Amino acid sequence: MRGGHAARSLAVTIGSFLALAVVLATAVTTPTAEDDVQGLLHTLGIQSPPGELAAPSFALPDTKGSPVRLSEYRGRTVMLYFWTTY
């Protein structure tokens, strides 16, 4: 069973590294013009919603069990990283 835990840990580490690499690569090449942003999103296969949409309100516990609410980060860029194990 220990091998399964190590494999999951490795998968999470690799996933985290890849997510960080995408964020850093995007940060380095982030265009400033709206047309360039839309072109980048299209290239990545991401569709923008028509107009601005508010994210639903939710709270999740942090590593110490204290609730963290999405609304606490209003106006700031937030990257959510979800994963699961089976």
C-alpha atoms as a PDB file:
ATOM      1  CA  MET A   1       0.000   0.000   0.000  1.00  0.00           C
ATOM      2  CA  ARG A   2       2.964   2.292   0.590  1.00  0.00           C
ATOM      3  CA  GLY A   3       3.845   2.162  -3.105  1.00  0.00           C
ATOM      4  CA  GLY A   4       0.389   3.476  -3.990  1.00  0.00           C
ATOM      5  CA  HIS A   5       0.873   6.432  -1.664  1.00  0.00           C
ATOM      6  CA  ALA A   6       4.251   7.201  -3.222  1.00  0.00           C
ATOM      7  CA  ALA A   7       2.748   7.045  -6.717  1.00  0.00           C
ATOM      8  CA  ARG A   8      -0.067   9.432  -5.723  1.00  0.00           C
ATOM      9  CA  SER A   9       2.433  11.808  -4.128  1.00  0.00           C
ATOM     10  CA  LEU A  10       4.535  11.743  -7.279  1.00  0.00           C
ATOM     11  CA  ALA A  11       1.463  12.370  -9.430  1.00  0.00           C
ATOM     12  CA  VAL A  12       0.446  15.344  -7.271  1.00  0.00           C
ATOM     13  CA  THR A  13       3.994  16.715  -7.392  1.00  0.00           C
ATOM     14  CA  ILE A  14       4.168  16.375 -11.171  1.00  0.00           C
ATOM     15  CA  GLY A  15       0.702  17.921 -11.552  1.00  0.00           C
ATOM     16  CA  SER A  16       1.681  20.837  -9.329  1.00  0.00           C
ATOM     17  CA  PHE A  17       4.900  21.365 -11.284  1.00  0.00           C
ATOM     18  CA  LEU A  18       3.032  21.353 -14.597  1.00  0.00           C
ATOM     19  CA  ALA A  19       0.440  23.811 -13.288  1.00  0.00           C
ATOM     20  CA  LEU A  20       3.216  26.106 -12.055  1.00  0.00           C
ATOM     21  CA  ALA A  21       5.018  25.836 -15.407  1.00  0.00           C
ATOM     22  CA  VAL A  22       1.842  26.847 -17.269  1.00  0.00           C
ATOM     23  CA  VAL A  23       1.282  29.798 -14.938  1.00  0.00           C
ATOM     24  CA  LEU A  24       4.890  30.973 -15.287  1.00  0.00           C
ATOM     25  CA  ALA A  25       4.894  30.540 -19.064  1.00  0.00           C
ATOM     26  CA  THR A  26       1.634  32.470 -19.309  1.00  0.00           C
ATOM     27  CA  ALA A  27       2.947  35.200 -17.009  1.00  0.00           C
ATOM     28  CA  VAL A  28       6.016  35.664 -19.185  1.00  0.00           C
ATOM     29  CA  THR A  29       4.058  35.791 -22.443  1.00  0.00           C
ATOM     30  CA  THR A  30       0.831  37.444 -21.252  1.00  0.00           C
ATOM     31  CA  PRO A  31      -0.275  39.913 -23.908  1.00  0.00           C
ATOM     32  CA  THR A  32      -1.645  43.277 -22.881  1.00  0.00           C
ATOM     33  CA  ALA A  33      -4.213  43.844 -25.649  1.00  0.00           C
ATOM     34  CA  GLU A  34      -7.662  42.277 -25.270  1.00  0.00           C
ATOM     35  CA  ASP A  35      -7.441  40.757 -28.765  1.00  0.00           C
ATOM     36  CA  ASP A  36      -4.177  39.031 -27.857  1.00  0.00           C
ATOM     37  CA  VAL A  37      -5.728  37.627 -24.673  1.00  0.00           C
ATOM     38  CA  GLN A  38      -8.704  36.266 -26.588  1.00  0.00           C
ATOM     39  CA  GLY A  39      -6.314  34.751 -29.165  1.00  0.00           C
ATOM     40  CA  LEU A  40      -4.306  33.062 -26.411  1.00  0.00           C
ATOM     41  CA  LEU A  41      -7.462  31.675 -24.784  1.00  0.00           C
ATOM     42  CA  HIS A  42      -8.649  30.378 -28.157  1.00  0.00           C
ATOM     43  CA  THR A  43      -5.256  28.731 -28.797  1.00  0.00           C
ATOM     44  CA  LEU A  44      -5.471  27.014 -25.399  1.00  0.00           C
ATOM     45  CA  GLY A  45      -9.036  25.869 -26.124  1.00  0.00           C
ATOM     46  CA  ILE A  46     -10.531  28.065 -23.381  1.00  0.00           C
ATOM     47  CA  GLN A  47     -13.833  29.770 -24.100  1.00  0.00           C
ATOM     48  CA  SER A  48     -14.578  33.059 -22.369  1.00  0.00           C
ATOM     49  CA  PRO A  49     -18.093  33.456 -21.020  1.00  0.00           C
ATOM     50  CA  PRO A  50     -20.121  36.253 -22.614  1.00  0.00           C
ATOM     51  CA  GLY A  51     -19.642  39.186 -20.235  1.00  0.00           C
ATOM     52  CA  GLU A  52     -18.391  38.921 -16.685  1.00  0.00           C
ATOM     53  CA  LEU A  53     -19.786  36.241 -14.417  1.00  0.00           C
ATOM     54  CA  ALA A  54     -19.475  36.233 -10.644  1.00  0.00           C
ATOM     55  CA  ALA A  55     -18.029  33.060  -9.169  1.00  0.00           C
ATOM     56  CA  PRO A  56     -20.339  31.263  -6.747  1.00  0.00           C
ATOM     57  CA  SER A  57     -19.636  31.866  -3.090  1.00  0.00           C
ATOM     58  CA  PHE A  58     -17.988  28.967  -1.292  1.00  0.00           C
ATOM     59  CA  ALA A  59     -15.609  28.227   1.566  1.00  0.00           C
ATOM     60  CA  LEU A  60     -13.127  25.397   2.026  1.00  0.00           C
ATOM     61  CA  PRO A  61     -10.910  24.515   4.988  1.00  0.00           C
ATOM     62  CA  ASP A  62      -7.219  25.357   4.794  1.00  0.00           C
ATOM     63  CA  THR A  63      -4.539  22.945   6.021  1.00  0.00           C
ATOM     64  CA  LYS A  64      -5.242  23.969   9.632  1.00  0.00           C
ATOM     65  CA  GLY A  65      -9.012  23.575   9.316  1.00  0.00           C
ATOM     66  CA  SER A  66      -9.852  27.301   9.205  1.00  0.00           C
ATOM     67  CA  PRO A  67     -12.386  28.265   6.540  1.00  0.00           C
ATOM     68  CA  VAL A  68     -11.122  30.208   3.524  1.00  0.00           C
ATOM     69  CA  ARG A  69     -13.816  32.017   1.571  1.00  0.00           C
ATOM     70  CA  LEU A  70     -13.485  32.871  -2.099  1.00  0.00           C
ATOM     71  CA  SER A  71     -15.087  36.254  -1.364  1.00  0.00           C
ATOM     72  CA  GLU A  72     -11.992  37.185   0.691  1.00  0.00           C
ATOM     73  CA  TYR A  73     -10.067  37.346  -2.599  1.00  0.00           C
ATOM     74  CA  ARG A  74     -12.505  39.512  -4.571  1.00  0.00           C
ATOM     75  CA  GLY A  75     -10.681  41.643  -7.144  1.00  0.00           C
ATOM     76  CA  ARG A  76      -7.557  39.464  -7.041  1.00  0.00           C
ATOM     77  CA  THR A  77      -6.488  36.683  -9.373  1.00  0.00           C
ATOM     78  CA  VAL A  78      -7.198  33.262  -7.885  1.00  0.00           C
ATOM     79  CA  MET A  79      -5.987  29.967  -9.318  1.00  0.00           C
ATOM     80  CA  LEU A  80      -7.910  26.935  -8.125  1.00  0.00           C
ATOM     81  CA  TYR A  81      -6.252  23.568  -8.433  1.00  0.00           C
ATOM     82  CA  PHE A  82      -8.516  20.530  -8.026  1.00  0.00           C
ATOM     83  CA  TRP A  83      -7.469  16.918  -7.997  1.00  0.00           C
ATOM     84  CA  THR A  84      -8.882  13.652  -6.790  1.00  0.00           C
ATOM     85  CA  THR A  85      -7.765  10.181  -5.836  1.00  0.00           C
ATOM     86  CA  TYR A  86      -9.602   6.931  -6.264  1.00  0.00           C
END
